[in-house]
């Protein structure tokens, strides 16, 4: 063994980190990698991630329909994943804040907000006390561990893209 083995390990770790950053968070293409195949791999990873999030947030994905993959990719392109549940929650909140969260997505978010605590940093935790989730007119309540949607989101004040008129 030579004395430079730790240096090579550190160099390899740094190169791997650069590759992961390029694939996951839109970092620059590391030296020695062709941009086109790296971009294709990145797009494939975003599609896979969008599919995983859609499994946890089916109403949100269905509400966005054919726009789902592109909307998710645009939002996720420079964000590392925190897991499918949290990614969907963060996207739903971002769409809510933009005013573009469709009614079905609002209902799903209201149910999630009533059933669990999520601060945007840590893993969501189930609520123990009664709780209310309200998002864009949708109201959900959690009592004794059961969550019910009491009022669906208003569809009358939204245009076809899910934006307020």
N, C-alpha and C. Protein backbone atom coordinates (compact mmCIF):
# COMPACT_ATOMS: atom_id res chain seq x y z
N UNK A 1 0.85 -1.18 0.00
CA UNK A 1 0.00 0.00 0.00
C UNK A 1 0.89 1.24 0.00
N UNK A 2 0.48 2.18 -0.76
CA UNK A 2 1.23 3.42 -0.79
C UNK A 2 0.55 4.43 0.11
N UNK A 3 1.24 5.48 0.41
CA UNK A 3 0.70 6.49 1.31
C UNK A 3 -0.35 7.37 0.66
N UNK A 4 -0.52 7.28 -0.68
CA UNK A 4 -1.48 8.18 -1.33
C UNK A 4 -2.87 7.56 -1.49
N UNK A 5 -3.11 6.39 -0.93
CA UNK A 5 -4.43 5.76 -1.05
C UNK A 5 -5.55 6.64 -0.49
N UNK A 6 -5.38 7.26 0.67
CA UNK A 6 -6.46 8.13 1.15
C UNK A 6 -6.74 9.29 0.20
N UNK A 7 -5.71 9.82 -0.44
CA UNK A 7 -5.90 10.91 -1.39
C UNK A 7 -6.72 10.47 -2.59
N UNK A 8 -6.46 9.25 -3.08
CA UNK A 8 -7.23 8.73 -4.20
C UNK A 8 -8.68 8.51 -3.80
N UNK A 9 -8.89 8.03 -2.59
CA UNK A 9 -10.25 7.82 -2.10
C UNK A 9 -11.00 9.14 -2.02
N UNK A 10 -10.33 10.17 -1.51
CA UNK A 10 -10.95 11.49 -1.43
C UNK A 10 -11.26 12.03 -2.81
N UNK A 11 -10.33 11.82 -3.77
CA UNK A 11 -10.53 12.28 -5.14
C UNK A 11 -11.70 11.55 -5.79
N UNK A 12 -11.78 10.25 -5.58
CA UNK A 12 -12.89 9.47 -6.13
C UNK A 12 -14.21 9.93 -5.53
N UNK A 13 -14.23 10.15 -4.23
CA UNK A 13 -15.44 10.62 -3.56
C UNK A 13 -15.86 11.98 -4.11
N UNK A 14 -14.91 12.86 -4.35
CA UNK A 14 -15.22 14.19 -4.89
C UNK A 14 -15.78 14.06 -6.31
N UNK A 15 -15.20 13.19 -7.13
CA UNK A 15 -15.69 13.01 -8.50
C UNK A 15 -17.09 12.39 -8.49
N UNK A 16 -17.32 11.44 -7.58
CA UNK A 16 -18.65 10.85 -7.47
C UNK A 16 -19.68 11.90 -7.04
N UNK A 17 -19.30 12.75 -6.11
CA UNK A 17 -20.20 13.82 -5.66
C UNK A 17 -20.53 14.77 -6.81
N UNK A 18 -19.54 15.07 -7.65
CA UNK A 18 -19.78 15.93 -8.82
C UNK A 18 -20.76 15.27 -9.78
N UNK A 19 -20.61 13.96 -9.99
CA UNK A 19 -21.50 13.24 -10.89
C UNK A 19 -22.93 13.21 -10.34
N UNK A 20 -23.06 12.94 -9.06
CA UNK A 20 -24.39 12.93 -8.44
C UNK A 20 -25.02 14.32 -8.54
N UNK A 21 -24.25 15.36 -8.28
CA UNK A 21 -24.78 16.72 -8.38
C UNK A 21 -25.24 17.03 -9.80
N UNK A 22 -24.49 16.58 -10.79
CA UNK A 22 -24.88 16.81 -12.18
C UNK A 22 -26.16 16.06 -12.52
N UNK A 23 -26.32 14.86 -11.99
CA UNK A 23 -27.49 14.04 -12.29
C UNK A 23 -28.74 14.48 -11.53
N UNK A 24 -28.56 14.89 -10.29
CA UNK A 24 -29.71 15.12 -9.42
C UNK A 24 -30.07 16.59 -9.25
N UNK A 25 -29.10 17.46 -9.16
CA UNK A 25 -29.41 18.86 -8.86
C UNK A 25 -29.01 19.83 -9.96
N UNK A 26 -28.69 19.31 -11.14
CA UNK A 26 -28.37 20.21 -12.25
C UNK A 26 -27.00 20.83 -12.16
N UNK A 27 -26.10 20.21 -11.44
CA UNK A 27 -24.73 20.73 -11.34
C UNK A 27 -24.02 20.65 -12.68
N UNK A 28 -22.84 21.26 -12.79
CA UNK A 28 -22.10 21.23 -14.05
C UNK A 28 -21.65 19.81 -14.40
N UNK A 29 -21.46 19.59 -15.69
CA UNK A 29 -21.00 18.29 -16.18
C UNK A 29 -19.55 18.09 -15.72
N UNK A 30 -19.28 17.01 -14.99
CA UNK A 30 -17.91 16.77 -14.52
C UNK A 30 -16.97 16.47 -15.68
N UNK A 31 -15.70 16.75 -15.50
CA UNK A 31 -14.73 16.45 -16.55
C UNK A 31 -14.73 14.95 -16.87
N UNK A 32 -14.62 14.64 -18.15
CA UNK A 32 -14.57 13.25 -18.57
C UNK A 32 -15.92 12.67 -18.91
N UNK A 33 -17.01 13.42 -18.76
CA UNK A 33 -18.34 12.93 -19.09
C UNK A 33 -18.89 13.70 -20.27
N UNK A 34 -19.51 12.98 -21.18
CA UNK A 34 -20.15 13.61 -22.34
C UNK A 34 -21.47 14.22 -21.90
N UNK A 35 -21.74 15.47 -22.28
CA UNK A 35 -22.96 16.15 -21.83
C UNK A 35 -24.26 15.47 -22.27
N UNK A 36 -24.33 14.99 -23.51
CA UNK A 36 -25.58 14.43 -24.02
C UNK A 36 -26.02 13.17 -23.26
N UNK A 37 -25.16 12.17 -23.08
CA UNK A 37 -25.59 11.00 -22.30
C UNK A 37 -25.92 11.35 -20.85
N UNK A 38 -25.19 12.30 -20.28
CA UNK A 38 -25.47 12.72 -18.91
C UNK A 38 -26.85 13.39 -18.84
N UNK A 39 -27.18 14.21 -19.83
CA UNK A 39 -28.50 14.85 -19.87
C UNK A 39 -29.60 13.81 -20.04
N UNK A 40 -29.36 12.79 -20.84
CA UNK A 40 -30.35 11.72 -21.02
C UNK A 40 -30.56 10.95 -19.73
N UNK A 41 -29.49 10.66 -19.02
CA UNK A 41 -29.60 9.95 -17.74
C UNK A 41 -30.35 10.82 -16.72
N UNK A 42 -30.06 12.10 -16.73
CA UNK A 42 -30.72 13.04 -15.81
C UNK A 42 -32.22 13.08 -16.09
N UNK A 43 -32.59 13.16 -17.37
CA UNK A 43 -34.02 13.19 -17.74
C UNK A 43 -34.71 11.89 -17.33
N UNK A 44 -34.03 10.77 -17.51
CA UNK A 44 -34.61 9.47 -17.12
C UNK A 44 -34.82 9.41 -15.61
N UNK A 45 -33.86 9.92 -14.84
CA UNK A 45 -34.00 9.93 -13.39
C UNK A 45 -35.17 10.83 -12.95
N UNK A 46 -35.34 11.97 -13.61
CA UNK A 46 -36.46 12.85 -13.28
C UNK A 46 -37.80 12.19 -13.61
N UNK A 47 -37.88 11.46 -14.75
CA UNK A 47 -39.11 10.74 -15.09
C UNK A 47 -39.42 9.66 -14.05
N UNK A 48 -38.38 8.94 -13.64
CA UNK A 48 -38.58 7.90 -12.63
C UNK A 48 -39.05 8.52 -11.32
N UNK A 49 -38.42 9.61 -10.94
CA UNK A 49 -38.79 10.30 -9.71
C UNK A 49 -40.22 10.81 -9.78
N UNK A 50 -40.63 11.34 -10.93
CA UNK A 50 -42.00 11.83 -11.11
C UNK A 50 -42.99 10.67 -10.96
N UNK A 51 -42.65 9.52 -11.48
CA UNK A 51 -43.52 8.35 -11.33
C UNK A 51 -43.65 7.91 -9.89
N UNK A 52 -42.55 7.95 -9.15
CA UNK A 52 -42.59 7.57 -7.74
C UNK A 52 -43.43 8.56 -6.94
N UNK A 53 -43.30 9.84 -7.22
CA UNK A 53 -44.09 10.85 -6.52
C UNK A 53 -45.57 10.69 -6.87
N UNK A 54 -45.86 10.40 -8.13
CA UNK A 54 -47.25 10.22 -8.56
C UNK A 54 -47.91 9.05 -7.83
N UNK A 55 -47.14 8.03 -7.46
CA UNK A 55 -47.71 6.92 -6.70
C UNK A 55 -48.10 7.35 -5.29
N UNK A 56 -47.38 8.30 -4.71
CA UNK A 56 -47.72 8.81 -3.38
C UNK A 56 -48.75 9.93 -3.44
N UNK A 57 -48.84 10.63 -4.55
CA UNK A 57 -49.74 11.77 -4.72
C UNK A 57 -50.58 11.58 -5.99
N UNK A 58 -51.40 10.55 -6.05
CA UNK A 58 -52.13 10.25 -7.29
C UNK A 58 -53.12 11.33 -7.72
N UNK A 59 -53.77 11.99 -6.78
CA UNK A 59 -54.74 13.02 -7.17
C UNK A 59 -54.04 14.24 -7.75
N UNK A 60 -52.92 14.61 -7.17
CA UNK A 60 -52.15 15.74 -7.69
C UNK A 60 -51.68 15.43 -9.11
N UNK A 61 -51.12 14.25 -9.31
CA UNK A 61 -50.64 13.87 -10.64
C UNK A 61 -51.80 13.80 -11.64
N UNK A 62 -52.93 13.23 -11.22
CA UNK A 62 -54.09 13.13 -12.11
C UNK A 62 -54.64 14.51 -12.45
N UNK A 63 -54.64 15.40 -11.47
CA UNK A 63 -55.17 16.74 -11.70
C UNK A 63 -54.32 17.50 -12.72
N UNK A 64 -53.04 17.26 -12.73
CA UNK A 64 -52.16 17.94 -13.69
C UNK A 64 -52.14 17.22 -15.03
N UNK A 65 -52.60 15.97 -15.05
CA UNK A 65 -52.75 15.22 -16.30
C UNK A 65 -51.46 15.14 -17.10
N UNK A 66 -51.56 15.46 -18.37
CA UNK A 66 -50.41 15.37 -19.27
C UNK A 66 -49.30 16.35 -18.90
N UNK A 67 -49.65 17.39 -18.15
CA UNK A 67 -48.64 18.36 -17.71
C UNK A 67 -47.76 17.83 -16.57
N UNK A 68 -48.21 16.75 -15.89
CA UNK A 68 -47.52 16.25 -14.69
C UNK A 68 -46.02 16.07 -14.89
N UNK A 69 -45.55 15.30 -15.87
CA UNK A 69 -44.10 15.08 -15.96
C UNK A 69 -43.31 16.37 -16.13
N UNK A 70 -43.80 17.26 -16.98
CA UNK A 70 -43.08 18.51 -17.22
C UNK A 70 -43.12 19.42 -16.00
N UNK A 71 -44.29 19.53 -15.35
CA UNK A 71 -44.40 20.38 -14.17
C UNK A 71 -43.51 19.87 -13.05
N UNK A 72 -43.53 18.53 -12.86
CA UNK A 72 -42.69 17.96 -11.82
C UNK A 72 -41.22 18.18 -12.14
N UNK A 73 -40.83 17.91 -13.37
CA UNK A 73 -39.42 18.07 -13.76
C UNK A 73 -38.96 19.52 -13.59
N UNK A 74 -39.80 20.47 -13.97
CA UNK A 74 -39.43 21.88 -13.81
C UNK A 74 -39.21 22.24 -12.35
N UNK A 75 -40.05 21.69 -11.49
CA UNK A 75 -39.92 21.96 -10.05
C UNK A 75 -38.71 21.23 -9.47
N UNK A 76 -38.50 19.97 -9.85
CA UNK A 76 -37.49 19.12 -9.22
C UNK A 76 -36.10 19.25 -9.82
N UNK A 77 -35.97 19.93 -10.92
CA UNK A 77 -34.72 19.92 -11.67
C UNK A 77 -33.49 20.32 -10.86
N UNK A 78 -33.62 21.23 -9.91
CA UNK A 78 -32.46 21.65 -9.13
C UNK A 78 -32.61 21.31 -7.65
N UNK A 79 -33.51 20.37 -7.36
CA UNK A 79 -33.74 19.96 -5.97
C UNK A 79 -33.38 18.49 -5.78
N UNK A 80 -32.58 18.19 -4.79
CA UNK A 80 -32.35 16.76 -4.49
C UNK A 80 -33.61 16.17 -3.88
N UNK A 81 -33.80 14.88 -4.04
CA UNK A 81 -34.99 14.25 -3.51
C UNK A 81 -34.90 14.08 -1.99
N UNK A 82 -36.06 14.17 -1.37
CA UNK A 82 -36.18 13.89 0.06
C UNK A 82 -37.16 12.75 0.27
N UNK A 83 -37.36 11.98 -0.79
CA UNK A 83 -38.33 10.89 -0.75
C UNK A 83 -39.59 11.32 -1.47
N UNK A 84 -40.30 10.36 -2.02
CA UNK A 84 -41.47 10.64 -2.85
C UNK A 84 -42.59 11.36 -2.10
N UNK A 85 -42.85 10.95 -0.87
CA UNK A 85 -43.91 11.59 -0.10
C UNK A 85 -43.60 13.07 0.12
N UNK A 86 -42.38 13.34 0.59
CA UNK A 86 -41.99 14.73 0.86
C UNK A 86 -41.87 15.55 -0.42
N UNK A 87 -41.36 14.96 -1.50
CA UNK A 87 -41.26 15.69 -2.75
C UNK A 87 -42.64 16.12 -3.23
N UNK A 88 -43.62 15.22 -3.16
CA UNK A 88 -44.97 15.57 -3.57
C UNK A 88 -45.57 16.64 -2.68
N UNK A 89 -45.32 16.53 -1.39
CA UNK A 89 -45.84 17.52 -0.44
C UNK A 89 -45.25 18.89 -0.75
N UNK A 90 -43.94 18.92 -0.96
CA UNK A 90 -43.27 20.19 -1.26
C UNK A 90 -43.76 20.78 -2.58
N UNK A 91 -43.95 19.94 -3.59
CA UNK A 91 -44.47 20.42 -4.87
C UNK A 91 -45.89 20.95 -4.70
N UNK A 92 -46.74 20.22 -4.00
CA UNK A 92 -48.12 20.68 -3.80
C UNK A 92 -48.14 22.03 -3.08
N UNK A 93 -47.30 22.19 -2.10
CA UNK A 93 -47.24 23.48 -1.39
C UNK A 93 -46.73 24.59 -2.30
N UNK A 94 -45.75 24.27 -3.16
CA UNK A 94 -45.23 25.27 -4.09
C UNK A 94 -46.31 25.69 -5.08
N UNK A 95 -47.07 24.72 -5.59
CA UNK A 95 -48.15 25.05 -6.52
C UNK A 95 -49.24 25.86 -5.81
N UNK A 96 -49.52 25.51 -4.55
CA UNK A 96 -50.50 26.28 -3.77
C UNK A 96 -50.03 27.73 -3.64
N UNK A 97 -48.76 27.90 -3.31
CA UNK A 97 -48.22 29.25 -3.12
C UNK A 97 -48.22 30.06 -4.42
N UNK A 98 -48.06 29.37 -5.57
CA UNK A 98 -48.12 30.03 -6.88
C UNK A 98 -49.55 30.34 -7.31
N UNK A 99 -50.52 29.68 -6.66
CA UNK A 99 -51.91 29.82 -7.06
C UNK A 99 -52.28 28.91 -8.22
N UNK A 100 -51.49 27.85 -8.46
CA UNK A 100 -51.76 26.96 -9.59
C UNK A 100 -52.09 25.53 -9.16
N UNK A 101 -52.37 25.33 -7.89
CA UNK A 101 -52.71 23.99 -7.40
C UNK A 101 -54.13 23.64 -7.83
N UNK A 102 -54.30 22.59 -8.63
CA UNK A 102 -55.64 22.20 -9.07
C UNK A 102 -56.50 21.73 -7.89
N UNK A 103 -57.83 21.77 -8.02
CA UNK A 103 -58.72 21.37 -6.92
C UNK A 103 -58.43 19.97 -6.36
N UNK A 104 -58.22 18.98 -7.20
CA UNK A 104 -57.93 17.64 -6.68
C UNK A 104 -56.63 17.64 -5.87
N UNK A 105 -55.65 18.38 -6.32
CA UNK A 105 -54.40 18.49 -5.58
C UNK A 105 -54.61 19.20 -4.25
N UNK A 106 -55.50 20.21 -4.24
CA UNK A 106 -55.81 20.92 -3.00
C UNK A 106 -56.47 19.99 -2.00
N UNK A 107 -57.37 19.15 -2.50
CA UNK A 107 -58.03 18.19 -1.61
C UNK A 107 -57.03 17.20 -1.03
N UNK A 108 -56.14 16.69 -1.88
CA UNK A 108 -55.14 15.74 -1.40
C UNK A 108 -54.21 16.39 -0.39
N UNK A 109 -53.80 17.63 -0.65
CA UNK A 109 -52.93 18.33 0.29
C UNK A 109 -53.66 18.60 1.60
N UNK A 110 -54.93 18.98 1.55
CA UNK A 110 -55.69 19.23 2.78
C UNK A 110 -55.77 17.97 3.63
N UNK A 111 -56.00 16.83 2.99
CA UNK A 111 -56.06 15.56 3.72
C UNK A 111 -54.70 15.25 4.35
N UNK A 112 -53.63 15.47 3.61
CA UNK A 112 -52.28 15.22 4.17
C UNK A 112 -51.97 16.15 5.34
N UNK A 113 -52.34 17.42 5.17
CA UNK A 113 -52.07 18.41 6.22
C UNK A 113 -52.85 18.08 7.49
N UNK A 114 -54.07 17.55 7.34
CA UNK A 114 -54.87 17.18 8.51
C UNK A 114 -54.31 15.94 9.19
N UNK A 115 -53.77 15.03 8.42
CA UNK A 115 -53.33 13.75 8.97
C UNK A 115 -51.92 13.71 9.50
N UNK A 116 -51.08 14.65 9.10
CA UNK A 116 -49.68 14.60 9.53
C UNK A 116 -49.09 16.00 9.66
N UNK A 117 -48.07 16.09 10.48
CA UNK A 117 -47.29 17.32 10.65
C UNK A 117 -46.10 17.23 9.72
N UNK A 118 -45.89 18.27 8.93
CA UNK A 118 -44.72 18.31 8.06
C UNK A 118 -44.25 19.75 7.99
N UNK A 119 -43.02 19.97 8.44
CA UNK A 119 -42.49 21.33 8.48
C UNK A 119 -41.62 21.68 7.28
N UNK A 120 -41.52 20.76 6.31
CA UNK A 120 -40.70 21.02 5.13
C UNK A 120 -39.25 20.63 5.31
N UNK A 121 -38.87 20.20 6.51
CA UNK A 121 -37.48 19.82 6.76
C UNK A 121 -37.34 18.39 7.24
N UNK A 122 -38.25 17.98 8.10
CA UNK A 122 -38.17 16.63 8.68
C UNK A 122 -39.26 15.74 8.12
N UNK A 123 -39.11 14.46 8.33
CA UNK A 123 -40.10 13.48 7.88
C UNK A 123 -41.47 13.79 8.50
N UNK A 124 -42.54 13.71 7.70
CA UNK A 124 -43.89 13.93 8.25
C UNK A 124 -44.18 12.95 9.38
N UNK A 125 -44.87 13.45 10.40
CA UNK A 125 -45.25 12.61 11.55
C UNK A 125 -46.76 12.66 11.71
N UNK A 126 -47.37 11.52 12.01
CA UNK A 126 -48.83 11.50 12.21
C UNK A 126 -49.24 12.43 13.35
N UNK A 127 -50.36 13.07 13.15
CA UNK A 127 -50.91 13.93 14.21
C UNK A 127 -51.62 13.05 15.23
N UNK A 128 -51.53 13.43 16.49
CA UNK A 128 -52.21 12.68 17.55
C UNK A 128 -53.48 13.37 18.01
N UNK A 129 -53.49 14.67 17.94
CA UNK A 129 -54.65 15.44 18.37
C UNK A 129 -55.53 15.74 17.16
N UNK A 130 -56.78 16.07 17.37
CA UNK A 130 -57.63 16.46 16.25
C UNK A 130 -56.98 17.61 15.48
N UNK A 131 -57.13 17.57 14.17
CA UNK A 131 -56.50 18.60 13.33
C UNK A 131 -57.37 18.89 12.12
N UNK A 132 -57.16 20.07 11.58
CA UNK A 132 -57.91 20.54 10.43
C UNK A 132 -56.91 20.90 9.33
N UNK A 133 -57.18 20.49 8.11
CA UNK A 133 -56.37 20.88 6.96
C UNK A 133 -57.24 21.69 6.02
N UNK A 134 -56.80 22.90 5.67
CA UNK A 134 -57.55 23.75 4.75
C UNK A 134 -56.61 24.22 3.65
N UNK A 135 -56.98 23.92 2.42
CA UNK A 135 -56.18 24.34 1.27
C UNK A 135 -57.13 24.74 0.15
N UNK A 136 -57.10 26.01 -0.24
CA UNK A 136 -57.87 26.53 -1.37
C UNK A 136 -59.33 26.08 -1.36
N UNK A 137 -59.96 26.16 -0.23
CA UNK A 137 -61.38 25.80 -0.12
C UNK A 137 -61.64 24.38 0.30
N UNK A 138 -60.65 23.50 0.14
CA UNK A 138 -60.81 22.11 0.58
C UNK A 138 -60.59 22.07 2.09
N UNK A 139 -61.44 21.31 2.78
CA UNK A 139 -61.32 21.19 4.23
C UNK A 139 -61.33 19.71 4.59
N UNK A 140 -60.31 19.30 5.35
CA UNK A 140 -60.23 17.92 5.84
C UNK A 140 -60.03 17.98 7.34
N UNK A 141 -60.55 16.99 8.03
CA UNK A 141 -60.42 16.92 9.48
C UNK A 141 -59.89 15.55 9.86
N UNK A 142 -59.07 15.53 10.92
CA UNK A 142 -58.54 14.29 11.45
C UNK A 142 -58.99 14.17 12.89
N UNK A 143 -59.71 13.08 13.18
CA UNK A 143 -60.16 12.76 14.53
C UNK A 143 -59.86 11.30 14.79
N UNK A 144 -59.26 11.02 15.92
CA UNK A 144 -58.98 9.64 16.32
C UNK A 144 -58.24 8.85 15.25
N UNK A 145 -57.32 9.52 14.57
CA UNK A 145 -56.50 8.84 13.57
C UNK A 145 -57.15 8.67 12.21
N UNK A 146 -58.38 9.11 12.04
CA UNK A 146 -59.06 9.01 10.75
C UNK A 146 -59.20 10.38 10.13
N UNK A 147 -58.90 10.45 8.86
CA UNK A 147 -58.99 11.72 8.14
C UNK A 147 -60.13 11.65 7.15
N UNK A 148 -60.95 12.72 7.15
CA UNK A 148 -62.07 12.81 6.22
C UNK A 148 -62.03 14.16 5.52
N UNK A 149 -62.31 14.13 4.25
CA UNK A 149 -62.48 15.36 3.50
C UNK A 149 -63.90 15.86 3.74
N UNK A 150 -64.03 17.01 4.40
CA UNK A 150 -65.36 17.54 4.71
C UNK A 150 -65.94 18.36 3.57
N UNK A 151 -65.07 19.11 2.90
CA UNK A 151 -65.53 19.96 1.82
C UNK A 151 -64.51 19.91 0.69
N UNK A 152 -64.94 19.57 -0.53
CA UNK A 152 -64.01 19.56 -1.65
C UNK A 152 -63.61 20.99 -2.02
N UNK A 153 -62.51 21.09 -2.75
CA UNK A 153 -62.04 22.40 -3.21
C UNK A 153 -63.03 22.97 -4.21
N UNK A 154 -63.17 24.27 -4.19
CA UNK A 154 -64.07 24.95 -5.12
C UNK A 154 -63.51 24.85 -6.53
N UNK A 155 -64.37 24.48 -7.44
CA UNK A 155 -63.97 24.40 -8.84
C UNK A 155 -64.53 25.57 -9.64
N UNK A 156 -65.46 26.30 -9.08
CA UNK A 156 -66.14 27.39 -9.81
C UNK A 156 -65.22 28.57 -10.08
N UNK A 157 -64.30 28.87 -9.16
CA UNK A 157 -63.49 30.06 -9.32
C UNK A 157 -62.16 29.76 -10.00
N UNK A 158 -62.04 28.58 -10.62
CA UNK A 158 -60.79 28.22 -11.26
C UNK A 158 -60.98 28.10 -12.76
N UNK A 159 -59.97 28.52 -13.53
CA UNK A 159 -60.04 28.30 -14.97
C UNK A 159 -59.58 26.87 -15.27
N UNK A 160 -59.50 26.50 -16.52
CA UNK A 160 -59.20 25.12 -16.89
C UNK A 160 -57.80 24.70 -16.49
N UNK A 161 -56.89 25.62 -16.27
CA UNK A 161 -55.53 25.26 -15.86
C UNK A 161 -55.40 25.19 -14.35
N UNK A 162 -56.52 25.42 -13.61
CA UNK A 162 -56.47 25.31 -12.16
C UNK A 162 -56.04 26.61 -11.47
N UNK A 163 -56.04 27.73 -12.21
CA UNK A 163 -55.64 29.00 -11.62
C UNK A 163 -56.87 29.81 -11.23
N UNK A 164 -56.70 30.64 -10.19
CA UNK A 164 -57.80 31.54 -9.81
C UNK A 164 -58.08 32.48 -10.95
N UNK A 165 -59.36 32.76 -11.13
CA UNK A 165 -59.74 33.73 -12.18
C UNK A 165 -59.57 35.13 -11.68
